[in-house]
């Protein structure tokens, strides 16, 4: 069980390299993640992208 299981985190700037790495780390620790992208920014988290 991760250190953040049951926690919710909000990550801004999630489409950039550092933001994506932070999102991945929080997910690995069991957190529920809200990833916020800038308007018009490509969504790197879509499986069909």
PDB file of N, CA and C in Angstrom:
ATOM      1  N   UNK A   1       0.842  -1.170   0.000  1.00  0.00           N
ATOM      2  CA  UNK A   1       0.000   0.000   0.000  1.00  0.00           C
ATOM      3  C   UNK A   1       0.892   1.239   0.000  1.00  0.00           C
ATOM      4  N   UNK A   2       0.545   2.235  -0.856  1.00  0.00           N
ATOM      5  CA  UNK A   2       1.359   3.433  -0.970  1.00  0.00           C
ATOM      6  C   UNK A   2       1.172   4.389   0.191  1.00  0.00           C
ATOM      7  N   UNK A   3       2.104   5.294   0.317  1.00  0.00           N
ATOM      8  CA  UNK A   3       2.060   6.300   1.378  1.00  0.00           C
ATOM      9  C   UNK A   3       0.898   7.272   1.223  1.00  0.00           C
ATOM     10  N   UNK A   4       0.357   7.390   0.024  1.00  0.00           N
ATOM     11  CA  UNK A   4      -0.692   8.377  -0.237  1.00  0.00           C
ATOM     12  C   UNK A   4      -2.041   7.747  -0.559  1.00  0.00           C
ATOM     13  N   UNK A   5      -2.218   6.490  -0.236  1.00  0.00           N
ATOM     14  CA  UNK A   5      -3.483   5.816  -0.506  1.00  0.00           C
ATOM     15  C   UNK A   5      -4.618   6.558   0.185  1.00  0.00           C
ATOM     16  N   UNK A   6      -5.671   6.830  -0.590  1.00  0.00           N
ATOM     17  CA  UNK A   6      -6.820   7.538  -0.053  1.00  0.00           C
ATOM     18  C   UNK A   6      -6.718   9.045  -0.142  1.00  0.00           C
ATOM     19  N   UNK A   7      -5.594   9.561  -0.585  1.00  0.00           N
ATOM     20  CA  UNK A   7      -5.408  11.008  -0.724  1.00  0.00           C
ATOM     21  C   UNK A   7      -5.732  11.435  -2.142  1.00  0.00           C
ATOM     22  N   UNK A   8      -6.143  12.684  -2.290  1.00  0.00           N
ATOM     23  CA  UNK A   8      -6.408  13.270  -3.600  1.00  0.00           C
ATOM     24  C   UNK A   8      -5.426  14.416  -3.786  1.00  0.00           C
ATOM     25  N   UNK A   9      -4.762  14.445  -4.941  1.00  0.00           N
ATOM     26  CA  UNK A   9      -3.818  15.523  -5.228  1.00  0.00           C
ATOM     27  C   UNK A   9      -4.190  16.204  -6.537  1.00  0.00           C
ATOM     28  N   UNK A  10      -3.865  17.475  -6.637  1.00  0.00           N
ATOM     29  CA  UNK A  10      -4.097  18.275  -7.831  1.00  0.00           C
ATOM     30  C   UNK A  10      -2.741  18.719  -8.352  1.00  0.00           C
ATOM     31  N   UNK A  11      -2.437  18.344  -9.589  1.00  0.00           N
ATOM     32  CA  UNK A  11      -1.163  18.692 -10.209  1.00  0.00           C
ATOM     33  C   UNK A  11      -1.435  19.654 -11.352  1.00  0.00           C
ATOM     34  N   UNK A  12      -0.854  20.855 -11.298  1.00  0.00           N
ATOM     35  CA  UNK A  12      -0.962  21.797 -12.407  1.00  0.00           C
ATOM     36  C   UNK A  12       0.291  21.682 -13.267  1.00  0.00           C
ATOM     37  N   UNK A  13       0.171  22.020 -14.539  1.00  0.00           N
ATOM     38  CA  UNK A  13       1.308  21.889 -15.441  1.00  0.00           C
ATOM     39  C   UNK A  13       1.662  20.438 -15.691  1.00  0.00           C
ATOM     40  N   UNK A  14       0.652  19.588 -15.718  1.00  0.00           N
ATOM     41  CA  UNK A  14       0.877  18.145 -15.756  1.00  0.00           C
ATOM     42  C   UNK A  14       1.333  17.614 -17.107  1.00  0.00           C
ATOM     43  N   UNK A  15       1.239  18.398 -18.170  1.00  0.00           N
ATOM     44  CA  UNK A  15       1.609  17.888 -19.492  1.00  0.00           C
ATOM     45  C   UNK A  15       3.110  17.944 -19.744  1.00  0.00           C
ATOM     46  N   UNK A  16       3.829  18.763 -19.006  1.00  0.00           N
ATOM     47  CA  UNK A  16       5.272  18.874 -19.193  1.00  0.00           C
ATOM     48  C   UNK A  16       6.000  17.658 -18.640  1.00  0.00           C
ATOM     49  N   UNK A  17       7.258  17.558 -18.938  1.00  0.00           N
ATOM     50  CA  UNK A  17       8.053  16.412 -18.502  1.00  0.00           C
ATOM     51  C   UNK A  17       8.077  16.232 -16.996  1.00  0.00           C
ATOM     52  N   UNK A  18       8.323  17.307 -16.260  1.00  0.00           N
ATOM     53  CA  UNK A  18       8.358  17.225 -14.802  1.00  0.00           C
ATOM     54  C   UNK A  18       6.966  16.935 -14.243  1.00  0.00           C
ATOM     55  N   UNK A  19       5.955  17.606 -14.794  1.00  0.00           N
ATOM     56  CA  UNK A  19       4.583  17.383 -14.343  1.00  0.00           C
ATOM     57  C   UNK A  19       4.139  15.945 -14.542  1.00  0.00           C
ATOM     58  N   UNK A  20       4.473  15.383 -15.687  1.00  0.00           N
ATOM     59  CA  UNK A  20       4.118  13.979 -15.966  1.00  0.00           C
ATOM     60  C   UNK A  20       4.802  13.043 -14.979  1.00  0.00           C
ATOM     61  N   UNK A  21       6.053  13.319 -14.661  1.00  0.00           N
ATOM     62  CA  UNK A  21       6.782  12.479 -13.706  1.00  0.00           C
ATOM     63  C   UNK A  21       6.166  12.574 -12.311  1.00  0.00           C
ATOM     64  N   UNK A  22       5.745  13.769 -11.925  1.00  0.00           N
ATOM     65  CA  UNK A  22       5.111  13.957 -10.620  1.00  0.00           C
ATOM     66  C   UNK A  22       3.785  13.201 -10.567  1.00  0.00           C
ATOM     67  N   UNK A  23       2.991  13.305 -11.635  1.00  0.00           N
ATOM     68  CA  UNK A  23       1.723  12.570 -11.705  1.00  0.00           C
ATOM     69  C   UNK A  23       1.983  11.075 -11.544  1.00  0.00           C
ATOM     70  N   UNK A  24       2.944  10.547 -12.275  1.00  0.00           N
ATOM     71  CA  UNK A  24       3.252   9.116 -12.207  1.00  0.00           C
ATOM     72  C   UNK A  24       3.658   8.699 -10.796  1.00  0.00           C
ATOM     73  N   UNK A  25       4.450   9.516 -10.137  1.00  0.00           N
ATOM     74  CA  UNK A  25       4.912   9.175  -8.791  1.00  0.00           C
ATOM     75  C   UNK A  25       3.761   9.170  -7.784  1.00  0.00           C
ATOM     76  N   UNK A  26       2.887  10.164  -7.876  1.00  0.00           N
ATOM     77  CA  UNK A  26       1.725  10.189  -6.983  1.00  0.00           C
ATOM     78  C   UNK A  26       0.829   8.977  -7.229  1.00  0.00           C
ATOM     79  N   UNK A  27       0.623   8.617  -8.491  1.00  0.00           N
ATOM     80  CA  UNK A  27      -0.182   7.432  -8.794  1.00  0.00           C
ATOM     81  C   UNK A  27       0.466   6.175  -8.228  1.00  0.00           C
ATOM     82  N   UNK A  28       1.786   6.070  -8.353  1.00  0.00           N
ATOM     83  CA  UNK A  28       2.505   4.913  -7.809  1.00  0.00           C
ATOM     84  C   UNK A  28       2.357   4.801  -6.298  1.00  0.00           C
ATOM     85  N   UNK A  29       2.185   5.941  -5.633  1.00  0.00           N
ATOM     86  CA  UNK A  29       2.030   5.956  -4.176  1.00  0.00           C
ATOM     87  C   UNK A  29       0.577   5.781  -3.742  1.00  0.00           C
ATOM     88  N   UNK A  30      -0.330   5.577  -4.710  1.00  0.00           N
ATOM     89  CA  UNK A  30      -1.711   5.265  -4.378  1.00  0.00           C
ATOM     90  C   UNK A  30      -2.674   6.431  -4.338  1.00  0.00           C
ATOM     91  N   UNK A  31      -2.215   7.628  -4.676  1.00  0.00           N
ATOM     92  CA  UNK A  31      -3.088   8.803  -4.644  1.00  0.00           C
ATOM     93  C   UNK A  31      -4.033   8.819  -5.837  1.00  0.00           C
ATOM     94  N   UNK A  32      -5.171   9.476  -5.663  1.00  0.00           N
ATOM     95  CA  UNK A  32      -6.059   9.794  -6.781  1.00  0.00           C
ATOM     96  C   UNK A  32      -5.586  11.140  -7.297  1.00  0.00           C
ATOM     97  N   UNK A  33      -5.342  11.246  -8.590  1.00  0.00           N
ATOM     98  CA  UNK A  33      -4.703  12.435  -9.160  1.00  0.00           C
ATOM     99  C   UNK A  33      -5.632  13.171 -10.112  1.00  0.00           C
ATOM    100  N   UNK A  34      -5.735  14.484  -9.918  1.00  0.00           N
ATOM    101  CA  UNK A  34      -6.357  15.390 -10.872  1.00  0.00           C
ATOM    102  C   UNK A  34      -5.202  16.097 -11.563  1.00  0.00           C
ATOM    103  N   UNK A  35      -5.053  15.879 -12.866  1.00  0.00           N
ATOM    104  CA  UNK A  35      -3.969  16.485 -13.643  1.00  0.00           C
ATOM    105  C   UNK A  35      -4.544  17.624 -14.480  1.00  0.00           C
ATOM    106  N   UNK A  36      -4.052  18.837 -14.258  1.00  0.00           N
ATOM    107  CA  UNK A  36      -4.553  20.021 -14.951  1.00  0.00           C
ATOM    108  C   UNK A  36      -3.583  20.414 -16.056  1.00  0.00           C
ATOM    109  N   UNK A  37      -4.142  20.615 -17.261  1.00  0.00           N
ATOM    110  CA  UNK A  37      -3.353  21.020 -18.416  1.00  0.00           C
ATOM    111  C   UNK A  37      -3.737  22.441 -18.800  1.00  0.00           C
ATOM    112  N   UNK A  38      -2.852  23.147 -19.470  1.00  0.00           N
ATOM    113  CA  UNK A  38      -3.157  24.481 -19.982  1.00  0.00           C
ATOM    114  C   UNK A  38      -4.116  24.348 -21.163  1.00  0.00           C
ATOM    115  N   UNK A  39      -4.973  25.359 -21.379  1.00  0.00           N
ATOM    116  CA  UNK A  39      -5.890  25.309 -22.528  1.00  0.00           C
ATOM    117  C   UNK A  39      -5.121  25.097 -23.833  1.00  0.00           C
ATOM    118  N   UNK A  40      -5.588  24.182 -24.644  1.00  0.00           N
ATOM    119  CA  UNK A  40      -4.956  23.897 -25.928  1.00  0.00           C
ATOM    120  C   UNK A  40      -3.774  22.952 -25.858  1.00  0.00           C
ATOM    121  N   UNK A  41      -3.370  22.564 -24.670  1.00  0.00           N
ATOM    122  CA  UNK A  41      -2.228  21.668 -24.496  1.00  0.00           C
ATOM    123  C   UNK A  41      -2.656  20.234 -24.813  1.00  0.00           C
ATOM    124  N   UNK A  42      -1.816  19.509 -25.532  1.00  0.00           N
ATOM    125  CA  UNK A  42      -2.118  18.115 -25.864  1.00  0.00           C
ATOM    126  C   UNK A  42      -2.152  17.286 -24.583  1.00  0.00           C
ATOM    127  N   UNK A  43      -3.079  16.348 -24.526  1.00  0.00           N
ATOM    128  CA  UNK A  43      -3.233  15.505 -23.344  1.00  0.00           C
ATOM    129  C   UNK A  43      -2.320  14.284 -23.456  1.00  0.00           C
ATOM    130  N   UNK A  44      -1.234  14.240 -22.680  1.00  0.00           N
ATOM    131  CA  UNK A  44      -0.306  13.110 -22.767  1.00  0.00           C
ATOM    132  C   UNK A  44      -0.814  11.857 -22.053  1.00  0.00           C
ATOM    133  N   UNK A  45      -1.941  11.950 -21.379  1.00  0.00           N
ATOM    134  CA  UNK A  45      -2.440  10.836 -20.590  1.00  0.00           C
ATOM    135  C   UNK A  45      -3.488  10.004 -21.313  1.00  0.00           C
ATOM    136  N   UNK A  46      -3.943  10.461 -22.472  1.00  0.00           N
ATOM    137  CA  UNK A  46      -4.945   9.710 -23.236  1.00  0.00           C
ATOM    138  C   UNK A  46      -4.291   8.495 -23.870  1.00  0.00           C
ATOM    139  N   UNK A  47      -4.929   7.368 -23.755  1.00  0.00           N
ATOM    140  CA  UNK A  47      -4.369   6.140 -24.323  1.00  0.00           C
ATOM    141  C   UNK A  47      -4.472   6.100 -25.834  1.00  0.00           C
ATOM    142  N   UNK A  48      -5.438   6.820 -26.408  1.00  0.00           N
ATOM    143  CA  UNK A  48      -5.616   6.804 -27.859  1.00  0.00           C
ATOM    144  C   UNK A  48      -4.900   7.954 -28.556  1.00  0.00           C
ATOM    145  N   UNK A  49      -4.131   8.731 -27.809  1.00  0.00           N
ATOM    146  CA  UNK A  49      -3.427   9.887 -28.400  1.00  0.00           C
ATOM    147  C   UNK A  49      -2.134   9.444 -29.057  1.00  0.00           C
TER     148      UNK A  49
END
